[in-house]
Structure formats: C-alpha cells, structure tokens
Amino acid sequence: MTPENKNTSRDLDFAQAQLAYSIINNLVEHTRIVSDLIALMAQVLDEDTTKALTQTPTWTAYLDSRRAMEKTKSDIERFAEMLNELRPDEPNESS
C-alpha cells in the first residue's frame, strides 16, 4: 500500500463526516442552551450569592469554556464547508 493509499483509507467518507458534524452540532447547541440556563439562573440569585459564585474557579472555567466555544463556532462552519466538498455529486436528472 502506498503512502497515498494509507492516507486515503483514513479519510472520512461523506456519511461519516455528516455523522460527525451532526454530533458536534448537537453538542454545541446543548452547550448554548445550558449556557443560557446558567445565565437565567444567575439572574435570580441575590447579589451576595452572585458575587461569591463569580469568584470561584468553577465560574472562571465556565467563562473560559464559553470563549472557547465561540472559536469552535467558526471551526464548525469551516467543517461544514469541508463537508459540502465531500458531498457526492447528485445524479443528473436528465440522464
């Protein structure tokens, strides 16, 4: 097997790439919804509790994760573009 064939055999086909995109997209959407829920819950906390919460390492990690998800959004858009390039050609209806 040539080096080119080895690389090709590891590449995703369209169905695999589509499944990966679906999984990633669902996880990102779930993360967005959970983030909105956390924001809503934080709004109903009293000032002292909110201040105590936002000074924890867990809150800092949450904010870091939100920033990382913003970058991930553009990565997913790039992945979707690559996925479209993998899409098999549609059969021509006039054939």
PDB file of N, CA and C in Angstrom:
ATOM      1  N   MET A   1       0.848  -1.178   0.000  1.00  0.00           N
ATOM      2  CA  MET A   1       0.000   0.000   0.000  1.00  0.00           C
ATOM      3  C   MET A   1       0.892   1.239   0.000  1.00  0.00           C
ATOM      4  N   THR A   2       0.635   2.158  -0.910  1.00  0.00           N
ATOM      5  CA  THR A   2       1.432   3.377  -0.996  1.00  0.00           C
ATOM      6  C   THR A   2       1.043   4.329   0.120  1.00  0.00           C
ATOM      7  N   PRO A   3       1.908   5.301   0.448  1.00  0.00           N
ATOM      8  CA  PRO A   3       1.545   6.291   1.484  1.00  0.00           C
ATOM      9  C   PRO A   3       0.250   7.023   1.152  1.00  0.00           C
ATOM     10  N   GLU A   4       0.020   7.264  -0.136  1.00  0.00           N
ATOM     11  CA  GLU A   4      -1.228   7.952  -0.520  1.00  0.00           C
ATOM     12  C   GLU A   4      -2.438   7.104  -0.180  1.00  0.00           C
ATOM     13  N   ASN A   5      -2.377   5.807  -0.444  1.00  0.00           N
ATOM     14  CA  ASN A   5      -3.494   4.914  -0.152  1.00  0.00           C
ATOM     15  C   ASN A   5      -3.755   4.819   1.348  1.00  0.00           C
ATOM     16  N   LYS A   6      -2.688   4.821   2.148  1.00  0.00           N
ATOM     17  CA  LYS A   6      -2.857   4.775   3.598  1.00  0.00           C
ATOM     18  C   LYS A   6      -3.617   6.000   4.080  1.00  0.00           C
ATOM     19  N   ASN A   7      -3.272   7.187   3.571  1.00  0.00           N
ATOM     20  CA  ASN A   7      -3.969   8.414   3.964  1.00  0.00           C
ATOM     21  C   ASN A   7      -5.411   8.400   3.506  1.00  0.00           C
ATOM     22  N   THR A   8      -5.643   7.926   2.294  1.00  0.00           N
ATOM     23  CA  THR A   8      -6.996   7.893   1.764  1.00  0.00           C
ATOM     24  C   THR A   8      -7.873   6.964   2.583  1.00  0.00           C
ATOM     25  N   SER A   9      -7.338   5.824   3.011  1.00  0.00           N
ATOM     26  CA  SER A   9      -8.145   4.880   3.769  1.00  0.00           C
ATOM     27  C   SER A   9      -8.532   5.435   5.137  1.00  0.00           C
ATOM     28  N   ARG A  10      -7.819   6.437   5.634  1.00  0.00           N
ATOM     29  CA  ARG A  10      -8.148   7.043   6.919  1.00  0.00           C
ATOM     30  C   ARG A  10      -9.068   8.241   6.775  1.00  0.00           C
ATOM     31  N   ASP A  11      -9.273   8.720   5.577  1.00  0.00           N
ATOM     32  CA  ASP A  11     -10.150   9.865   5.369  1.00  0.00           C
ATOM     33  C   ASP A  11     -11.597   9.472   5.640  1.00  0.00           C
ATOM     34  N   LEU A  12     -12.376  10.453   6.057  1.00  0.00           N
ATOM     35  CA  LEU A  12     -13.804  10.225   6.280  1.00  0.00           C
ATOM     36  C   LEU A  12     -14.536  10.210   4.955  1.00  0.00           C
ATOM     37  N   ASP A  13     -15.503   9.322   4.844  1.00  0.00           N
ATOM     38  CA  ASP A  13     -16.378   9.434   3.691  1.00  0.00           C
ATOM     39  C   ASP A  13     -17.499  10.399   4.065  1.00  0.00           C
ATOM     40  N   PHE A  14     -18.360  10.706   3.127  1.00  0.00           N
ATOM     41  CA  PHE A  14     -19.383  11.724   3.354  1.00  0.00           C
ATOM     42  C   PHE A  14     -20.316  11.345   4.502  1.00  0.00           C
ATOM     43  N   ALA A  15     -20.750  10.101   4.565  1.00  0.00           N
ATOM     44  CA  ALA A  15     -21.682   9.680   5.621  1.00  0.00           C
ATOM     45  C   ALA A  15     -21.040   9.810   7.001  1.00  0.00           C
ATOM     46  N   GLN A  16     -19.770   9.423   7.122  1.00  0.00           N
ATOM     47  CA  GLN A  16     -19.072   9.552   8.401  1.00  0.00           C
ATOM     48  C   GLN A  16     -18.901  11.012   8.787  1.00  0.00           C
ATOM     49  N   ALA A  17     -18.538  11.831   7.817  1.00  0.00           N
ATOM     50  CA  ALA A  17     -18.359  13.256   8.087  1.00  0.00           C
ATOM     51  C   ALA A  17     -19.685  13.904   8.476  1.00  0.00           C
ATOM     52  N   GLN A  18     -20.755  13.494   7.822  1.00  0.00           N
ATOM     53  CA  GLN A  18     -22.073  14.037   8.137  1.00  0.00           C
ATOM     54  C   GLN A  18     -22.486  13.656   9.563  1.00  0.00           C
ATOM     55  N   LEU A  19     -22.208  12.424   9.965  1.00  0.00           N
ATOM     56  CA  LEU A  19     -22.499  11.982  11.325  1.00  0.00           C
ATOM     57  C   LEU A  19     -21.675  12.772  12.335  1.00  0.00           C
ATOM     58  N   ALA A  20     -20.390  12.951  12.053  1.00  0.00           N
ATOM     59  CA  ALA A  20     -19.527  13.723  12.951  1.00  0.00           C
ATOM     60  C   ALA A  20     -20.046  15.152  13.101  1.00  0.00           C
ATOM     61  N   TYR A  21     -20.431  15.765  11.989  1.00  0.00           N
ATOM     62  CA  TYR A  21     -20.964  17.127  12.030  1.00  0.00           C
ATOM     63  C   TYR A  21     -22.234  17.175  12.874  1.00  0.00           C
ATOM     64  N   SER A  22     -23.114  16.205  12.698  1.00  0.00           N
ATOM     65  CA  SER A  22     -24.360  16.171  13.452  1.00  0.00           C
ATOM     66  C   SER A  22     -24.098  16.073  14.953  1.00  0.00           C
ATOM     67  N   ILE A  23     -23.176  15.208  15.331  1.00  0.00           N
ATOM     68  CA  ILE A  23     -22.829  15.048  16.749  1.00  0.00           C
ATOM     69  C   ILE A  23     -22.252  16.340  17.304  1.00  0.00           C
ATOM     70  N   ILE A  24     -21.297  16.912  16.595  1.00  0.00           N
ATOM     71  CA  ILE A  24     -20.660  18.151  17.049  1.00  0.00           C
ATOM     72  C   ILE A  24     -21.685  19.271  17.155  1.00  0.00           C
ATOM     73  N   ASN A  25     -22.526  19.396  16.146  1.00  0.00           N
ATOM     74  CA  ASN A  25     -23.533  20.456  16.137  1.00  0.00           C
ATOM     75  C   ASN A  25     -24.498  20.306  17.312  1.00  0.00           C
ATOM     76  N   ASN A  26     -24.922  19.076  17.610  1.00  0.00           N
ATOM     77  CA  ASN A  26     -25.825  18.843  18.739  1.00  0.00           C
ATOM     78  C   ASN A  26     -25.162  19.178  20.065  1.00  0.00           C
ATOM     79  N   LEU A  27     -23.891  18.840  20.216  1.00  0.00           N
ATOM     80  CA  LEU A  27     -23.174  19.165  21.451  1.00  0.00           C
ATOM     81  C   LEU A  27     -23.023  20.668  21.630  1.00  0.00           C
ATOM     82  N   VAL A  28     -22.728  21.360  20.553  1.00  0.00           N
ATOM     83  CA  VAL A  28     -22.596  22.814  20.627  1.00  0.00           C
ATOM     84  C   VAL A  28     -23.950  23.450  20.967  1.00  0.00           C
ATOM     85  N   GLU A  29     -25.010  22.972  20.354  1.00  0.00           N
ATOM     86  CA  GLU A  29     -26.347  23.509  20.639  1.00  0.00           C
ATOM     87  C   GLU A  29     -26.724  23.254  22.092  1.00  0.00           C
ATOM     88  N   HIS A  30     -26.425  22.066  22.598  1.00  0.00           N
ATOM     89  CA  HIS A  30     -26.702  21.755  24.001  1.00  0.00           C
ATOM     90  C   HIS A  30     -25.914  22.691  24.919  1.00  0.00           C
ATOM     91  N   THR A  31     -24.668  22.926  24.584  1.00  0.00           N
ATOM     92  CA  THR A  31     -23.831  23.825  25.384  1.00  0.00           C
ATOM     93  C   THR A  31     -24.407  25.233  25.396  1.00  0.00           C
ATOM     94  N   ARG A  32     -24.919  25.689  24.243  1.00  0.00           N
ATOM     95  CA  ARG A  32     -25.518  27.024  24.173  1.00  0.00           C
ATOM     96  C   ARG A  32     -26.750  27.103  25.069  1.00  0.00           C
ATOM     97  N   ILE A  33     -27.570  26.070  25.038  1.00  0.00           N
ATOM     98  CA  ILE A  33     -28.790  26.055  25.853  1.00  0.00           C
ATOM     99  C   ILE A  33     -28.444  26.019  27.340  1.00  0.00           C
ATOM    100  N   VAL A  34     -27.467  25.201  27.716  1.00  0.00           N
ATOM    101  CA  VAL A  34     -27.045  25.140  29.115  1.00  0.00           C
ATOM    102  C   VAL A  34     -26.480  26.491  29.554  1.00  0.00           C
ATOM    103  N   SER A  35     -25.746  27.133  28.683  1.00  0.00           N
ATOM    104  CA  SER A  35     -25.188  28.446  28.986  1.00  0.00           C
ATOM    105  C   SER A  35     -26.296  29.467  29.235  1.00  0.00           C
ATOM    106  N   ASP A  36     -27.326  29.426  28.395  1.00  0.00           N
ATOM    107  CA  ASP A  36     -28.470  30.326  28.594  1.00  0.00           C
ATOM    108  C   ASP A  36     -29.171  30.038  29.923  1.00  0.00           C
ATOM    109  N   LEU A  37     -29.290  28.756  30.268  1.00  0.00           N
ATOM    110  CA  LEU A  37     -29.915  28.379  31.532  1.00  0.00           C
ATOM    111  C   LEU A  37     -29.099  28.883  32.718  1.00  0.00           C
ATOM    112  N   ILE A  38     -27.781  28.765  32.641  1.00  0.00           N
ATOM    113  CA  ILE A  38     -26.912  29.257  33.716  1.00  0.00           C
ATOM    114  C   ILE A  38     -27.071  30.766  33.871  1.00  0.00           C
ATOM    115  N   ALA A  39     -27.129  31.464  32.756  1.00  0.00           N
ATOM    116  CA  ALA A  39     -27.303  32.922  32.815  1.00  0.00           C
ATOM    117  C   ALA A  39     -28.640  33.270  33.460  1.00  0.00           C
ATOM    118  N   LEU A  40     -29.681  32.550  33.102  1.00  0.00           N
ATOM    119  CA  LEU A  40     -31.003  32.800  33.685  1.00  0.00           C
ATOM    120  C   LEU A  40     -30.992  32.519  35.187  1.00  0.00           C
ATOM    121  N   MET A  41     -30.379  31.424  35.573  1.00  0.00           N
ATOM    122  CA  MET A  41     -30.307  31.083  36.994  1.00  0.00           C
ATOM    123  C   MET A  41     -29.500  32.123  37.765  1.00  0.00           C
ATOM    124  N   ALA A  42     -28.442  32.626  37.166  1.00  0.00           N
ATOM    125  CA  ALA A  42     -27.617  33.637  37.838  1.00  0.00           C
ATOM    126  C   ALA A  42     -28.397  34.924  38.071  1.00  0.00           C
ATOM    127  N   GLN A  43     -29.353  35.206  37.182  1.00  0.00           N
ATOM    128  CA  GLN A  43     -30.152  36.428  37.328  1.00  0.00           C
ATOM    129  C   GLN A  43     -31.051  36.397  38.560  1.00  0.00           C
ATOM    130  N   VAL A  44     -31.437  35.212  39.009  1.00  0.00           N
ATOM    131  CA  VAL A  44     -32.360  35.135  40.141  1.00  0.00           C
ATOM    132  C   VAL A  44     -31.644  35.025  41.482  1.00  0.00           C
ATOM    133  N   LEU A  45     -30.316  34.943  41.454  1.00  0.00           N
ATOM    134  CA  LEU A  45     -29.556  34.884  42.699  1.00  0.00           C
ATOM    135  C   LEU A  45     -29.420  36.277  43.297  1.00  0.00           C
ATOM    136  N   ASP A  46     -29.341  36.328  44.625  1.00  0.00           N
ATOM    137  CA  ASP A  46     -29.119  37.629  45.247  1.00  0.00           C
ATOM    138  C   ASP A  46     -27.686  38.074  45.003  1.00  0.00           C
ATOM    139  N   GLU A  47     -27.427  39.347  45.258  1.00  0.00           N
ATOM    140  CA  GLU A  47     -26.136  39.953  44.927  1.00  0.00           C
ATOM    141  C   GLU A  47     -24.967  39.263  45.626  1.00  0.00           C
ATOM    142  N   ASP A  48     -25.112  38.944  46.901  1.00  0.00           N
ATOM    143  CA  ASP A  48     -24.019  38.306  47.640  1.00  0.00           C
ATOM    144  C   ASP A  48     -23.695  36.917  47.082  1.00  0.00           C
ATOM    145  N   THR A  49     -24.732  36.155  46.755  1.00  0.00           N
ATOM    146  CA  THR A  49     -24.528  34.817  46.203  1.00  0.00           C
ATOM    147  C   THR A  49     -23.881  34.900  44.830  1.00  0.00           C
ATOM    148  N   THR A  50     -24.335  35.846  44.013  1.00  0.00           N
ATOM    149  CA  THR A  50     -23.762  36.028  42.679  1.00  0.00           C
ATOM    150  C   THR A  50     -22.285  36.390  42.785  1.00  0.00           C
ATOM    151  N   LYS A  51     -21.960  37.301  43.701  1.00  0.00           N
ATOM    152  CA  LYS A  51     -20.570  37.709  43.876  1.00  0.00           C
ATOM    153  C   LYS A  51     -19.716  36.518  44.310  1.00  0.00           C
ATOM    154  N   ALA A  52     -20.215  35.731  45.237  1.00  0.00           N
ATOM    155  CA  ALA A  52     -19.473  34.556  45.706  1.00  0.00           C
ATOM    156  C   ALA A  52     -19.289  33.540  44.578  1.00  0.00           C
ATOM    157  N   LEU A  53     -20.329  33.338  43.795  1.00  0.00           N
ATOM    158  CA  LEU A  53     -20.267  32.383  42.687  1.00  0.00           C
ATOM    159  C   LEU A  53     -19.249  32.796  41.631  1.00  0.00           C
ATOM    160  N   THR A  54     -19.272  34.064  41.275  1.00  0.00           N
ATOM    161  CA  THR A  54     -18.411  34.527  40.185  1.00  0.00           C
ATOM    162  C   THR A  54     -16.932  34.627  40.583  1.00  0.00           C
ATOM    163  N   GLN A  55     -16.641  34.415  41.844  1.00  0.00           N
ATOM    164  CA  GLN A  55     -15.249  34.443  42.289  1.00  0.00           C
ATOM    165  C   GLN A  55     -14.669  33.041  42.480  1.00  0.00           C
ATOM    166  N   THR A  56     -15.361  32.031  41.984  1.00  0.00           N
ATOM    167  CA  THR A  56     -14.885  30.651  42.131  1.00  0.00           C
ATOM    168  C   THR A  56     -14.106  30.208  40.891  1.00  0.00           C
ATOM    169  N   PRO A  57     -13.224  29.232  41.056  1.00  0.00           N
ATOM    170  CA  PRO A  57     -12.520  28.663  39.900  1.00  0.00           C
ATOM    171  C   PRO A  57     -13.497  28.023  38.894  1.00  0.00           C
ATOM    172  N   THR A  58     -14.596  27.506  39.395  1.00  0.00           N
ATOM    173  CA  THR A  58     -15.594  26.891  38.514  1.00  0.00           C
ATOM    174  C   THR A  58     -16.189  27.931  37.582  1.00  0.00           C
ATOM    175  N   TRP A  59     -16.484  29.107  38.084  1.00  0.00           N
ATOM    176  CA  TRP A  59     -17.040  30.177  37.244  1.00  0.00           C
ATOM    177  C   TRP A  59     -16.015  30.637  36.207  1.00  0.00           C
ATOM    178  N   THR A  60     -14.759  30.747  36.641  1.00  0.00           N
ATOM    179  CA  THR A  60     -13.689  31.133  35.714  1.00  0.00           C
ATOM    180  C   THR A  60     -13.569  30.100  34.595  1.00  0.00           C
ATOM    181  N   ALA A  61     -13.627  28.819  34.958  1.00  0.00           N
ATOM    182  CA  ALA A  61     -13.557  27.752  33.956  1.00  0.00           C
ATOM    183  C   ALA A  61     -14.755  27.829  33.012  1.00  0.00           C
ATOM    184  N   TYR A  62     -15.926  28.147  33.541  1.00  0.00           N
ATOM    185  CA  TYR A  62     -17.130  28.296  32.716  1.00  0.00           C
ATOM    186  C   TYR A  62     -16.948  29.414  31.687  1.00  0.00           C
ATOM    187  N   LEU A  63     -16.431  30.562  32.133  1.00  0.00           N
ATOM    188  CA  LEU A  63     -16.215  31.681  31.214  1.00  0.00           C
ATOM    189  C   LEU A  63     -15.162  31.344  30.160  1.00  0.00           C
ATOM    190  N   ASP A  64     -14.093  30.654  30.571  1.00  0.00           N
ATOM    191  CA  ASP A  64     -13.070  30.228  29.612  1.00  0.00           C
ATOM    192  C   ASP A  64     -13.670  29.283  28.573  1.00  0.00           C
ATOM    193  N   SER A  65     -14.520  28.390  29.035  1.00  0.00           N
ATOM    194  CA  SER A  65     -15.171  27.441  28.137  1.00  0.00           C
ATOM    195  C   SER A  65     -16.088  28.153  27.142  1.00  0.00           C
ATOM    196  N   ARG A  66     -16.797  29.165  27.608  1.00  0.00           N
ATOM    197  CA  ARG A  66     -17.666  29.943  26.700  1.00  0.00           C
ATOM    198  C   ARG A  66     -16.850  30.626  25.613  1.00  0.00           C
ATOM    199  N   ARG A  67     -15.708  31.177  25.988  1.00  0.00           N
ATOM    200  CA  ARG A  67     -14.845  31.815  24.984  1.00  0.00           C
ATOM    201  C   ARG A  67     -14.340  30.788  23.973  1.00  0.00           C
ATOM    202  N   ALA A  68     -13.978  29.612  24.450  1.00  0.00           N
ATOM    203  CA  ALA A  68     -13.505  28.553  23.553  1.00  0.00           C
ATOM    204  C   ALA A  68     -14.616  28.126  22.597  1.00  0.00           C
ATOM    205  N   MET A  69     -15.858  28.111  23.073  1.00  0.00           N
ATOM    206  CA  MET A  69     -16.987  27.728  22.221  1.00  0.00           C
ATOM    207  C   MET A  69     -17.208  28.743  21.107  1.00  0.00           C
ATOM    208  N   GLU A  70     -16.893  29.985  21.351  1.00  0.00           N
ATOM    209  CA  GLU A  70     -17.011  30.991  20.293  1.00  0.00           C
ATOM    210  C   GLU A  70     -16.047  30.675  19.155  1.00  0.00           C
ATOM    211  N   LYS A  71     -14.831  30.250  19.487  1.00  0.00           N
ATOM    212  CA  LYS A  71     -13.877  29.848  18.455  1.00  0.00           C
ATOM    213  C   LYS A  71     -14.363  28.575  17.768  1.00  0.00           C
ATOM    214  N   THR A  72     -14.915  27.670  18.535  1.00  0.00           N
ATOM    215  CA  THR A  72     -15.412  26.412  17.990  1.00  0.00           C
ATOM    216  C   THR A  72     -16.502  26.659  16.957  1.00  0.00           C
ATOM    217  N   LYS A  73     -17.286  27.690  17.156  1.00  0.00           N
ATOM    218  CA  LYS A  73     -18.355  28.015  16.207  1.00  0.00           C
ATOM    219  C   LYS A  73     -17.786  28.243  14.803  1.00  0.00           C
ATOM    220  N   SER A  74     -16.699  28.989  14.707  1.00  0.00           N
ATOM    221  CA  SER A  74     -16.090  29.220  13.390  1.00  0.00           C
ATOM    222  C   SER A  74     -15.448  27.945  12.854  1.00  0.00           C
ATOM    223  N   ASP A  75     -14.903  27.107  13.744  1.00  0.00           N
ATOM    224  CA  ASP A  75     -14.335  25.829  13.311  1.00  0.00           C
ATOM    225  C   ASP A  75     -15.429  24.923  12.731  1.00  0.00           C
ATOM    226  N   ILE A  76     -16.603  24.940  13.338  1.00  0.00           N
ATOM    227  CA  ILE A  76     -17.717  24.130  12.847  1.00  0.00           C
ATOM    228  C   ILE A  76     -18.169  24.630  11.481  1.00  0.00           C
ATOM    229  N   GLU A  77     -18.180  25.930  11.296  1.00  0.00           N
ATOM    230  CA  GLU A  77     -18.537  26.477   9.986  1.00  0.00           C
ATOM    231  C   GLU A  77     -17.538  26.024   8.920  1.00  0.00           C
ATOM    232  N   ARG A  78     -16.250  26.007   9.265  1.00  0.00           N
ATOM    233  CA  ARG A  78     -15.236  25.505   8.326  1.00  0.00           C
ATOM    234  C   ARG A  78     -15.445  24.020   8.053  1.00  0.00           C
ATOM    235  N   PHE A  79     -15.772  23.263   9.099  1.00  0.00           N
ATOM    236  CA  PHE A  79     -16.025  21.834   8.936  1.00  0.00           C
ATOM    237  C   PHE A  79     -17.222  21.610   8.017  1.00  0.00           C
ATOM    238  N   ALA A  80     -18.255  22.416   8.158  1.00  0.00           N
ATOM    239  CA  ALA A  80     -19.438  22.297   7.290  1.00  0.00           C
ATOM    240  C   ALA A  80     -19.063  22.561   5.832  1.00  0.00           C
ATOM    241  N   GLU A  81     -18.190  23.529   5.610  1.00  0.00           N
ATOM    242  CA  GLU A  81     -17.729  23.799   4.241  1.00  0.00           C
ATOM    243  C   GLU A  81     -16.986  22.593   3.680  1.00  0.00           C
ATOM    244  N   MET A  82     -16.124  21.983   4.501  1.00  0.00           N
ATOM    245  CA  MET A  82     -15.398  20.792   4.055  1.00  0.00           C
ATOM    246  C   MET A  82     -16.367  19.639   3.781  1.00  0.00           C
ATOM    247  N   LEU A  83     -17.377  19.541   4.622  1.00  0.00           N
ATOM    248  CA  LEU A  83     -18.384  18.500   4.444  1.00  0.00           C
ATOM    249  C   LEU A  83     -19.094  18.657   3.108  1.00  0.00           C
ATOM    250  N   ASN A  84     -19.402  19.883   2.748  1.00  0.00           N
ATOM    251  CA  ASN A  84     -20.048  20.127   1.460  1.00  0.00           C
ATOM    252  C   ASN A  84     -19.158  19.721   0.296  1.00  0.00           C
ATOM    253  N   GLU A  85     -17.844  19.857   0.474  1.00  0.00           N
ATOM    254  CA  GLU A  85     -16.921  19.435  -0.579  1.00  0.00           C
ATOM    255  C   GLU A  85     -16.887  17.910  -0.717  1.00  0.00           C
ATOM    256  N   LEU A  86     -17.163  17.198   0.377  1.00  0.00           N
ATOM    257  CA  LEU A  86     -17.184  15.734   0.350  1.00  0.00           C
ATOM    258  C   LEU A  86     -18.486  15.178  -0.233  1.00  0.00           C
ATOM    259  N   ARG A  87     -19.519  16.013  -0.260  1.00  0.00           N
ATOM    260  CA  ARG A  87     -20.839  15.547  -0.697  1.00  0.00           C
ATOM    261  C   ARG A  87     -20.728  14.913  -2.074  1.00  0.00           C
ATOM    262  N   PRO A  88     -21.232  13.682  -2.182  1.00  0.00           N
ATOM    263  CA  PRO A  88     -21.194  13.048  -3.506  1.00  0.00           C
ATOM    264  C   PRO A  88     -22.039  13.836  -4.492  1.00  0.00           C
ATOM    265  N   ASP A  89     -21.603  13.828  -5.737  1.00  0.00           N
ATOM    266  CA  ASP A  89     -22.368  14.531  -6.769  1.00  0.00           C
ATOM    267  C   ASP A  89     -23.748  13.914  -6.881  1.00  0.00           C
ATOM    268  N   GLU A  90     -24.751  14.776  -6.996  1.00  0.00           N
ATOM    269  CA  GLU A  90     -26.119  14.300  -7.196  1.00  0.00           C
ATOM    270  C   GLU A  90     -26.239  13.759  -8.614  1.00  0.00           C
ATOM    271  N   PRO A  91     -26.950  12.637  -8.796  1.00  0.00           N
ATOM    272  CA  PRO A  91     -27.135  12.138 -10.160  1.00  0.00           C
ATOM    273  C   PRO A  91     -27.910  13.141 -10.991  1.00  0.00           C
ATOM    274  N   ASN A  92     -27.533  13.281 -12.233  1.00  0.00           N
ATOM    275  CA  ASN A  92     -28.170  14.217 -13.134  1.00  0.00           C
ATOM    276  C   ASN A  92     -29.547  13.663 -13.515  1.00  0.00           C
ATOM    277  N   GLU A  93     -30.600  14.460 -13.293  1.00  0.00           N
ATOM    278  CA  GLU A  93     -31.958  14.017 -13.563  1.00  0.00           C
ATOM    279  C   GLU A  93     -32.217  13.787 -15.046  1.00  0.00           C
ATOM    280  N   SER A  94     -31.462  14.417 -15.918  1.00  0.00           N
ATOM    281  CA  SER A  94     -31.699  14.275 -17.359  1.00  0.00           C
ATOM    282  C   SER A  94     -31.057  13.004 -17.901  1.00  0.00           C
ATOM    283  N   SER A  95     -30.238  12.290 -17.075  1.00  0.00           N
ATOM    284  CA  SER A  95     -29.587  11.059 -17.540  1.00  0.00           C
ATOM    285  C   SER A  95     -30.539   9.904 -17.562  1.00  0.00           C
TER     286      SER A  95
END
